Protein backbone atom coordinates (compact mmCIF):
# COMPACT_ATOMS: atom_id res chain seq x y z
CA UNK A 1 194.11 96.33 -70.46
CA UNK A 2 196.61 93.97 -68.92
CA UNK A 3 195.91 90.37 -67.89
CA UNK A 4 195.68 91.11 -64.15
CA UNK A 5 193.09 93.87 -64.71
CA UNK A 6 191.02 91.61 -66.95
CA UNK A 7 191.23 88.75 -64.45
CA UNK A 8 189.99 91.08 -61.71
CA UNK A 9 186.98 92.00 -63.86
CA UNK A 10 186.16 88.30 -64.31
CA UNK A 11 186.33 87.81 -60.53
CA UNK A 12 184.05 90.83 -60.09
CA UNK A 13 181.66 89.38 -62.69
CA UNK A 14 181.45 86.19 -60.65
CA UNK A 15 181.02 88.16 -57.41
CA UNK A 16 178.10 90.06 -58.97
CA UNK A 17 176.10 86.86 -59.30
CA UNK A 18 173.49 86.69 -56.53
CA UNK A 19 174.64 84.79 -53.44
CA UNK A 20 171.88 82.18 -53.86
CA UNK A 21 173.20 81.48 -57.38
CA UNK A 22 176.82 81.18 -56.27
CA UNK A 23 175.75 78.81 -53.47
CA UNK A 24 174.33 76.38 -56.07
CA UNK A 25 177.34 76.38 -58.37
CA UNK A 26 179.08 73.01 -58.20
CA UNK A 27 182.35 71.78 -59.66
CA UNK A 28 183.05 74.62 -62.13
CA UNK A 29 186.41 76.12 -63.04
CA UNK A 30 186.31 79.73 -64.26
CA UNK A 31 189.04 80.24 -66.87
CA UNK A 32 190.41 83.07 -68.98
CA UNK A 33 191.90 82.55 -72.42
CA UNK A 34 192.91 84.99 -75.12
CA UNK A 35 190.86 83.55 -77.98
CA UNK A 36 188.56 80.59 -78.63
CA UNK A 37 190.45 77.64 -80.09
CA UNK A 38 189.91 76.58 -83.68
CA UNK A 39 188.26 73.40 -82.34
CA UNK A 40 185.83 75.34 -80.12
CA UNK A 41 185.00 77.67 -83.02
CA UNK A 42 184.30 74.64 -85.21
CA UNK A 43 182.19 72.89 -82.56
CA UNK A 44 180.14 76.07 -82.04
CA UNK A 45 179.59 76.42 -85.80
CA UNK A 46 181.12 79.89 -85.99
CA UNK A 47 181.79 81.65 -89.26
CA UNK A 48 185.07 83.51 -89.81
CA UNK A 49 183.40 86.81 -88.87
CA UNK A 50 181.97 85.42 -85.59
CA UNK A 51 183.57 84.80 -82.24
CA UNK A 52 182.77 83.92 -78.63
CA UNK A 53 182.99 86.06 -75.53
CA UNK A 54 182.59 83.02 -73.29
CA UNK A 55 181.96 79.28 -73.42
CA UNK A 56 180.48 76.76 -70.98
CA UNK A 57 181.59 73.13 -71.25
CA UNK A 58 180.26 70.47 -68.96
CA UNK A 59 177.22 68.71 -67.58
CA UNK A 60 174.55 71.22 -66.52
CA UNK A 61 173.15 70.88 -63.02
CA UNK A 62 169.76 70.01 -64.50
CA UNK A 63 171.26 66.92 -66.21
CA UNK A 64 173.42 65.55 -63.39
CA UNK A 65 172.09 62.33 -62.04
CA UNK A 66 172.71 60.75 -58.67
CA UNK A 67 175.84 59.06 -60.03
CA UNK A 68 177.43 62.42 -60.87
CA UNK A 69 180.67 62.82 -58.95
CA UNK A 70 181.13 59.14 -58.22
CA UNK A 71 184.75 58.50 -59.07
CA UNK A 72 186.97 61.10 -60.64
CA UNK A 73 184.90 63.92 -62.07
CA UNK A 74 186.62 66.77 -63.86
CA UNK A 75 185.06 70.19 -63.30
CA UNK A 76 182.90 71.90 -65.86
CA UNK A 77 184.60 74.95 -67.33
CA UNK A 78 183.47 78.44 -68.09
CA UNK A 79 185.97 80.31 -70.22
CA UNK A 80 185.92 84.07 -70.75
CA UNK A 81 187.85 85.18 -73.83
CA UNK A 82 189.88 88.33 -73.38
CA UNK A 83 190.57 89.50 -76.94
CA UNK A 84 187.00 89.16 -78.29
CA UNK A 85 185.73 90.91 -75.16
CA UNK A 86 188.13 93.82 -75.64
CA UNK A 87 187.30 93.97 -79.36
CA UNK A 88 183.60 94.17 -78.50
CA UNK A 89 184.28 96.92 -75.96
CA UNK A 90 186.28 98.82 -78.60
CA UNK A 91 183.27 98.71 -80.92
CA UNK A 92 180.95 100.00 -78.18
CA UNK A 93 183.19 102.64 -76.63
CA UNK A 94 184.35 105.55 -78.81
CA UNK A 95 188.09 106.24 -78.74
CA UNK A 96 187.55 109.65 -77.16
CA UNK A 97 186.04 108.09 -74.02
CA UNK A 98 188.15 108.02 -70.88
CA UNK A 99 190.04 104.93 -69.73
CA UNK A 100 187.62 104.63 -66.81
CA UNK A 101 184.59 104.69 -69.13
CA UNK A 102 186.23 102.05 -71.31
CA UNK A 103 186.95 99.89 -68.25
CA UNK A 104 183.27 100.19 -67.25
CA UNK A 105 182.26 98.92 -70.71
CA UNK A 106 184.59 95.94 -70.32
CA UNK A 107 183.32 95.34 -66.75
CA UNK A 108 179.70 95.23 -68.00
CA UNK A 109 180.53 92.91 -70.92
CA UNK A 110 182.46 90.52 -68.66
CA UNK A 111 179.69 90.47 -66.03
CA UNK A 112 177.09 89.72 -68.71
CA UNK A 113 179.28 86.98 -70.18
CA UNK A 114 179.83 85.36 -66.78
CA UNK A 115 176.05 85.48 -66.07
CA UNK A 116 175.30 84.03 -69.52
CA UNK A 117 177.69 81.10 -69.16
CA UNK A 118 176.58 80.25 -65.62
CA UNK A 119 172.99 80.22 -66.92
CA UNK A 120 174.14 77.36 -69.18
CA UNK A 121 175.63 75.63 -66.10
CA UNK A 122 172.14 75.74 -64.57
CA UNK A 123 170.71 74.04 -67.65
CA UNK A 124 169.38 76.88 -69.79
CA UNK A 125 169.82 76.47 -73.53
CA UNK A 126 170.87 79.39 -75.71
CA UNK A 127 167.29 80.36 -76.55
CA UNK A 128 166.24 80.47 -72.89
CA UNK A 129 169.35 82.42 -71.87
CA UNK A 130 168.70 85.04 -74.58
CA UNK A 131 165.04 85.26 -73.57
CA UNK A 132 165.96 85.87 -69.91
CA UNK A 133 168.57 88.43 -70.90
CA UNK A 134 165.95 90.29 -72.93
CA UNK A 135 163.54 90.20 -69.98
CA UNK A 136 166.24 91.49 -67.65
CA UNK A 137 167.16 94.30 -70.05
CA UNK A 138 163.57 95.57 -70.24
CA UNK A 139 163.29 96.01 -66.47
C-alpha cells in the first residue's frame, strides 16, 4: 500500500468519528509516520517485540484549564504508524485474500487506531479506552 492510499485511510478513519466528537476536537494535528521513534518506544515502555499503531501526545481536553491556549500553544498530536499497521494487517489477513479484502482490514485497523487515540485526547486513560473498546465490540 502506497503512502497516498494509507493517508486516505487515515482521513477516512477521522471522518468515521461521529460528528459530535469531531466538533469537540480542539488543537490536534493528525500525523502519519512509518515507525515509532526509539524515544517514543522507550517512553511507552515497549519491549523489542512490541510496537505502536498510534500515539497521542498532548494535554487531554479533560485537563485543559482556562489558561490553555493563552499565548503560543502547539497542537496535540495523534500519530498513526504505517508499518506496524500494515504488519498487523498482514498477520490478520491471509496471503490468499484479495487486495480489496486486505485494504478493508487496513481500513478497520486505522479507524480503530484513530478512535483509540482520540479517546485519549478526550481524557480516557488506557484502561478506560480498552474497556470502552470491549463494550463496543460486544454490541
